[in-house]
Amino acid sequence: MTAGNTGADGAAAERSSRPPEQPPTRRPPDGPLPLGARPARNAIVGAGVIGYAWLLGGAAPFSTRALLYVLLPGAVLGVVAFARPPERIPPPESVDVAGFSYWMICIALLFEWEASAVRQDTPAHPSLTDLINPLIAPHPIKAAAIVVWLLAGWALVKR
């Protein structure tokens, strides 16, 4: 053998001196998974939410069926929030008084509008429900509004 050519025995010795290569291991991430990490599960949950909203949108207003359909996600989200409480967001150091007062004024105006509409009960002064009902009367729009309602509830539970 020549000095430049180690041959088959030299190559085997070189391979054995290196540590064996390990296949990459899949370790779960430390934080929550990104939104697209489980597309099949996301598609199934999305189809379930849309199907549920479609059923609820078809229920007659103020019926027992509509009541049970509305109570169902509240109970499910309540169980989820109780069984797996999320990590809480720390409270702010201080409250923005101007922003807080703007929100309180808007909420007070909404309460006043509803209270005066209930008290007067005339077409000249409709309640917010009377104004919104014609907008969400079509079944697809009502179902979309229910999906938004469910997503808002889920966002509150995740907080």
C-alpha atoms as a PDB file:
ATOM      1  CA  MET A   1       0.000   0.000   0.000  1.00  0.00           C
ATOM      2  CA  THR A   2       1.096   3.479  -0.673  1.00  0.00           C
ATOM      3  CA  ALA A   3       1.105   6.281   1.873  1.00  0.00           C
ATOM      4  CA  GLY A   4      -1.648   8.230   0.140  1.00  0.00           C
ATOM      5  CA  ASN A   5      -3.958   5.255  -0.176  1.00  0.00           C
ATOM      6  CA  THR A   6      -5.106   3.835   3.143  1.00  0.00           C
ATOM      7  CA  GLY A   7      -7.249   1.147   1.569  1.00  0.00           C
ATOM      8  CA  ALA A   8     -10.388  -0.505   2.898  1.00  0.00           C
ATOM      9  CA  ASP A   9      -8.969  -1.189   6.373  1.00  0.00           C
ATOM     10  CA  GLY A  10      -8.059   2.489   6.879  1.00  0.00           C
ATOM     11  CA  ALA A  11     -11.504   3.713   5.803  1.00  0.00           C
ATOM     12  CA  ALA A  12     -13.211   1.283   8.180  1.00  0.00           C
ATOM     13  CA  ALA A  13     -10.995   2.435  11.038  1.00  0.00           C
ATOM     14  CA  GLU A  14     -11.768   6.076  10.256  1.00  0.00           C
ATOM     15  CA  ARG A  15     -15.524   5.400  10.241  1.00  0.00           C
ATOM     16  CA  SER A  16     -15.361   3.541  13.550  1.00  0.00           C
ATOM     17  CA  SER A  17     -13.481   6.394  15.245  1.00  0.00           C
ATOM     18  CA  ARG A  18     -16.301   8.864  14.449  1.00  0.00           C
ATOM     19  CA  PRO A  19     -19.387   8.807  16.661  1.00  0.00           C
ATOM     20  CA  PRO A  20     -22.360   7.158  14.934  1.00  0.00           C
ATOM     21  CA  GLU A  21     -24.727   9.639  13.344  1.00  0.00           C
ATOM     22  CA  GLN A  22     -28.035   9.824  15.153  1.00  0.00           C
ATOM     23  CA  PRO A  23     -31.245  10.414  13.241  1.00  0.00           C
ATOM     24  CA  PRO A  24     -32.760  13.759  14.175  1.00  0.00           C
ATOM     25  CA  THR A  25     -35.241  13.398  17.003  1.00  0.00           C
ATOM     26  CA  ARG A  26     -38.542  15.250  16.976  1.00  0.00           C
ATOM     27  CA  ARG A  27     -38.919  17.133  20.192  1.00  0.00           C
ATOM     28  CA  PRO A  28     -42.168  18.936  20.975  1.00  0.00           C
ATOM     29  CA  PRO A  29     -41.805  22.714  21.031  1.00  0.00           C
ATOM     30  CA  ASP A  30     -41.730  24.464  24.369  1.00  0.00           C
ATOM     31  CA  GLY A  31     -44.587  26.879  23.674  1.00  0.00           C
ATOM     32  CA  PRO A  32     -47.923  26.484  21.930  1.00  0.00           C
ATOM     33  CA  LEU A  33     -47.869  25.082  18.443  1.00  0.00           C
ATOM     34  CA  PRO A  34     -48.235  27.512  15.560  1.00  0.00           C
ATOM     35  CA  LEU A  35     -51.673  27.783  13.978  1.00  0.00           C
ATOM     36  CA  GLY A  36     -50.876  25.623  10.951  1.00  0.00           C
ATOM     37  CA  ALA A  37     -49.101  22.871  12.910  1.00  0.00           C
ATOM     38  CA  ARG A  38     -52.100  20.517  12.886  1.00  0.00           C
ATOM     39  CA  PRO A  39     -54.031  21.193   9.682  1.00  0.00           C
ATOM     40  CA  ALA A  40     -56.245  18.087   9.896  1.00  0.00           C
ATOM     41  CA  ARG A  41     -57.349  18.871  13.445  1.00  0.00           C
ATOM     42  CA  ASN A  42     -57.888  22.531  12.576  1.00  0.00           C
ATOM     43  CA  ALA A  43     -60.024  21.554   9.563  1.00  0.00           C
ATOM     44  CA  ILE A  44     -62.155  19.175  11.661  1.00  0.00           C
ATOM     45  CA  VAL A  45     -62.662  21.742  14.430  1.00  0.00           C
ATOM     46  CA  GLY A  46     -63.437  24.466  11.877  1.00  0.00           C
ATOM     47  CA  ALA A  47     -65.996  22.267  10.115  1.00  0.00           C
ATOM     48  CA  GLY A  48     -67.570  21.430  13.489  1.00  0.00           C
ATOM     49  CA  VAL A  49     -67.814  25.101  14.478  1.00  0.00           C
ATOM     50  CA  ILE A  50     -69.321  26.070  11.129  1.00  0.00           C
ATOM     51  CA  GLY A  51     -71.769  23.148  11.222  1.00  0.00           C
ATOM     52  CA  TYR A  52     -72.786  24.042  14.774  1.00  0.00           C
ATOM     53  CA  ALA A  53     -73.287  27.688  13.779  1.00  0.00           C
ATOM     54  CA  TRP A  54     -75.410  26.596  10.817  1.00  0.00           C
ATOM     55  CA  LEU A  55     -77.640  24.488  13.090  1.00  0.00           C
ATOM     56  CA  LEU A  56     -77.964  27.251  15.663  1.00  0.00           C
ATOM     57  CA  GLY A  57     -78.707  29.812  12.961  1.00  0.00           C
ATOM     58  CA  GLY A  58     -81.649  27.683  11.822  1.00  0.00           C
ATOM     59  CA  ALA A  59     -83.207  27.433  15.290  1.00  0.00           C
ATOM     60  CA  ALA A  60     -86.255  29.568  15.990  1.00  0.00           C
ATOM     61  CA  PRO A  61     -85.454  32.531  18.252  1.00  0.00           C
ATOM     62  CA  PHE A  62     -86.271  32.055  21.956  1.00  0.00           C
ATOM     63  CA  SER A  63     -87.054  28.357  21.491  1.00  0.00           C
ATOM     64  CA  THR A  64     -85.877  25.565  23.777  1.00  0.00           C
ATOM     65  CA  ARG A  65     -83.697  24.246  20.956  1.00  0.00           C
ATOM     66  CA  ALA A  66     -82.017  27.633  20.539  1.00  0.00           C
ATOM     67  CA  LEU A  67     -81.499  27.882  24.309  1.00  0.00           C
ATOM     68  CA  LEU A  68     -79.836  24.473  24.471  1.00  0.00           C
ATOM     69  CA  TYR A  69     -77.678  25.268  21.440  1.00  0.00           C
ATOM     70  CA  VAL A  70     -76.490  28.469  23.121  1.00  0.00           C
ATOM     71  CA  LEU A  71     -75.841  26.819  26.487  1.00  0.00           C
ATOM     72  CA  LEU A  72     -73.792  24.000  24.936  1.00  0.00           C
ATOM     73  CA  PRO A  73     -70.665  25.984  23.925  1.00  0.00           C
ATOM     74  CA  GLY A  74     -70.817  27.965  27.161  1.00  0.00           C
ATOM     75  CA  ALA A  75     -70.737  24.737  29.147  1.00  0.00           C
ATOM     76  CA  VAL A  76     -67.934  23.281  27.011  1.00  0.00           C
ATOM     77  CA  LEU A  77     -65.813  26.430  27.278  1.00  0.00           C
ATOM     78  CA  GLY A  78     -66.508  26.602  31.013  1.00  0.00           C
ATOM     79  CA  VAL A  79     -65.287  23.024  31.487  1.00  0.00           C
ATOM     80  CA  VAL A  80     -62.196  23.731  29.373  1.00  0.00           C
ATOM     81  CA  ALA A  81     -61.419  26.894  31.335  1.00  0.00           C
ATOM     82  CA  PHE A  82     -61.913  25.107  34.667  1.00  0.00           C
ATOM     83  CA  ALA A  83     -60.016  21.918  33.745  1.00  0.00           C
ATOM     84  CA  ARG A  84     -57.048  23.593  32.054  1.00  0.00           C
ATOM     85  CA  PRO A  85     -56.738  27.119  33.392  1.00  0.00           C
ATOM     86  CA  PRO A  86     -54.398  29.099  31.163  1.00  0.00           C
ATOM     87  CA  GLU A  87     -51.456  31.108  32.348  1.00  0.00           C
ATOM     88  CA  ARG A  88     -52.837  34.455  33.419  1.00  0.00           C
ATOM     89  CA  ILE A  89     -51.808  37.734  31.870  1.00  0.00           C
ATOM     90  CA  PRO A  90     -50.302  39.970  34.542  1.00  0.00           C
ATOM     91  CA  PRO A  91     -52.338  43.084  35.329  1.00  0.00           C
ATOM     92  CA  PRO A  92     -51.047  46.376  33.976  1.00  0.00           C
ATOM     93  CA  GLU A  93     -49.010  48.642  36.212  1.00  0.00           C
ATOM     94  CA  SER A  94     -51.498  51.455  35.736  1.00  0.00           C
ATOM     95  CA  VAL A  95     -54.811  52.005  33.991  1.00  0.00           C
ATOM     96  CA  ASP A  96     -55.140  54.550  31.227  1.00  0.00           C
ATOM     97  CA  VAL A  97     -57.852  56.731  32.745  1.00  0.00           C
ATOM     98  CA  ALA A  98     -58.763  58.434  29.468  1.00  0.00           C
ATOM     99  CA  GLY A  99     -59.174  55.134  27.584  1.00  0.00           C
ATOM    100  CA  PHE A 100     -61.088  53.579  30.470  1.00  0.00           C
ATOM    101  CA  SER A 101     -63.455  56.548  30.674  1.00  0.00           C
ATOM    102  CA  TYR A 102     -64.158  56.385  26.912  1.00  0.00           C
ATOM    103  CA  TRP A 103     -65.140  52.725  27.224  1.00  0.00           C
ATOM    104  CA  MET A 104     -67.318  53.444  30.260  1.00  0.00           C
ATOM    105  CA  ILE A 105     -69.106  56.260  28.416  1.00  0.00           C
ATOM    106  CA  CYS A 106     -69.811  53.961  25.440  1.00  0.00           C
ATOM    107  CA  ILE A 107     -71.103  51.182  27.670  1.00  0.00           C
ATOM    108  CA  ALA A 108     -73.279  53.609  29.655  1.00  0.00           C
ATOM    109  CA  LEU A 109     -74.744  54.970  26.402  1.00  0.00           C
ATOM    110  CA  LEU A 110     -75.573  51.462  25.197  1.00  0.00           C
ATOM    111  CA  PHE A 111     -77.297  50.647  28.493  1.00  0.00           C
ATOM    112  CA  GLU A 112     -79.224  53.917  28.362  1.00  0.00           C
ATOM    113  CA  TRP A 113     -80.305  53.252  24.761  1.00  0.00           C
ATOM    114  CA  GLU A 114     -81.616  49.796  25.662  1.00  0.00           C
ATOM    115  CA  ALA A 115     -83.329  51.000  28.840  1.00  0.00           C
ATOM    116  CA  SER A 116     -85.088  53.848  27.065  1.00  0.00           C
ATOM    117  CA  ALA A 117     -86.118  51.541  24.196  1.00  0.00           C
ATOM    118  CA  VAL A 118     -87.657  49.104  26.680  1.00  0.00           C
ATOM    119  CA  ARG A 119     -89.418  51.927  28.512  1.00  0.00           C
ATOM    120  CA  GLN A 120     -90.808  53.692  25.421  1.00  0.00           C
ATOM    121  CA  ASP A 121     -91.346  50.621  23.207  1.00  0.00           C
ATOM    122  CA  THR A 122     -92.152  52.614  20.059  1.00  0.00           C
ATOM    123  CA  PRO A 123     -90.968  52.166  16.479  1.00  0.00           C
ATOM    124  CA  ALA A 124     -89.566  55.699  16.651  1.00  0.00           C
ATOM    125  CA  HIS A 125     -87.055  54.551  19.267  1.00  0.00           C
ATOM    126  CA  PRO A 126     -86.018  50.948  18.490  1.00  0.00           C
ATOM    127  CA  SER A 127     -83.699  48.869  20.644  1.00  0.00           C
ATOM    128  CA  LEU A 128     -80.343  47.716  19.310  1.00  0.00           C
ATOM    129  CA  THR A 129     -81.804  44.234  18.857  1.00  0.00           C
ATOM    130  CA  ASP A 130     -84.562  45.655  16.658  1.00  0.00           C
ATOM    131  CA  LEU A 131     -81.917  47.388  14.552  1.00  0.00           C
ATOM    132  CA  ILE A 132     -79.615  44.353  14.244  1.00  0.00           C
ATOM    133  CA  ASN A 133     -82.240  41.647  13.607  1.00  0.00           C
ATOM    134  CA  PRO A 134     -82.966  42.624   9.966  1.00  0.00           C
ATOM    135  CA  LEU A 135     -79.229  42.708   9.230  1.00  0.00           C
ATOM    136  CA  ILE A 136     -78.590  39.179  10.475  1.00  0.00           C
ATOM    137  CA  ALA A 137     -81.902  37.662   9.372  1.00  0.00           C
ATOM    138  CA  PRO A 138     -80.465  35.691   6.406  1.00  0.00           C
ATOM    139  CA  HIS A 139     -79.332  32.265   7.555  1.00  0.00           C
ATOM    140  CA  PRO A 140     -75.714  32.471   6.235  1.00  0.00           C
ATOM    141  CA  ILE A 141     -75.145  35.865   7.880  1.00  0.00           C
ATOM    142  CA  LYS A 142     -76.613  34.635  11.153  1.00  0.00           C
ATOM    143  CA  ALA A 143     -74.352  31.570  11.025  1.00  0.00           C
ATOM    144  CA  ALA A 144     -71.308  33.788  10.360  1.00  0.00           C
ATOM    145  CA  ALA A 145     -72.259  35.988  13.338  1.00  0.00           C
ATOM    146  CA  ILE A 146     -72.462  32.870  15.520  1.00  0.00           C
ATOM    147  CA  VAL A 147     -68.993  31.774  14.355  1.00  0.00           C
ATOM    148  CA  VAL A 148     -67.642  35.198  15.362  1.00  0.00           C
ATOM    149  CA  TRP A 149     -69.418  34.846  18.729  1.00  0.00           C
ATOM    150  CA  LEU A 150     -67.843  31.406  19.290  1.00  0.00           C
ATOM    151  CA  LEU A 151     -64.369  32.616  18.334  1.00  0.00           C
ATOM    152  CA  ALA A 152     -64.699  35.583  20.693  1.00  0.00           C
ATOM    153  CA  GLY A 153     -65.681  33.223  23.512  1.00  0.00           C
ATOM    154  CA  TRP A 154     -62.712  30.976  22.760  1.00  0.00           C
ATOM    155  CA  ALA A 155     -60.386  33.987  22.763  1.00  0.00           C
ATOM    156  CA  LEU A 156     -61.667  34.944  26.209  1.00  0.00           C
ATOM    157  CA  VAL A 157     -61.115  31.413  27.508  1.00  0.00           C
ATOM    158  CA  LYS A 158     -57.556  31.371  26.132  1.00  0.00           C
ATOM    159  CA  ARG A 159     -56.708  34.604  27.937  1.00  0.00           C
END
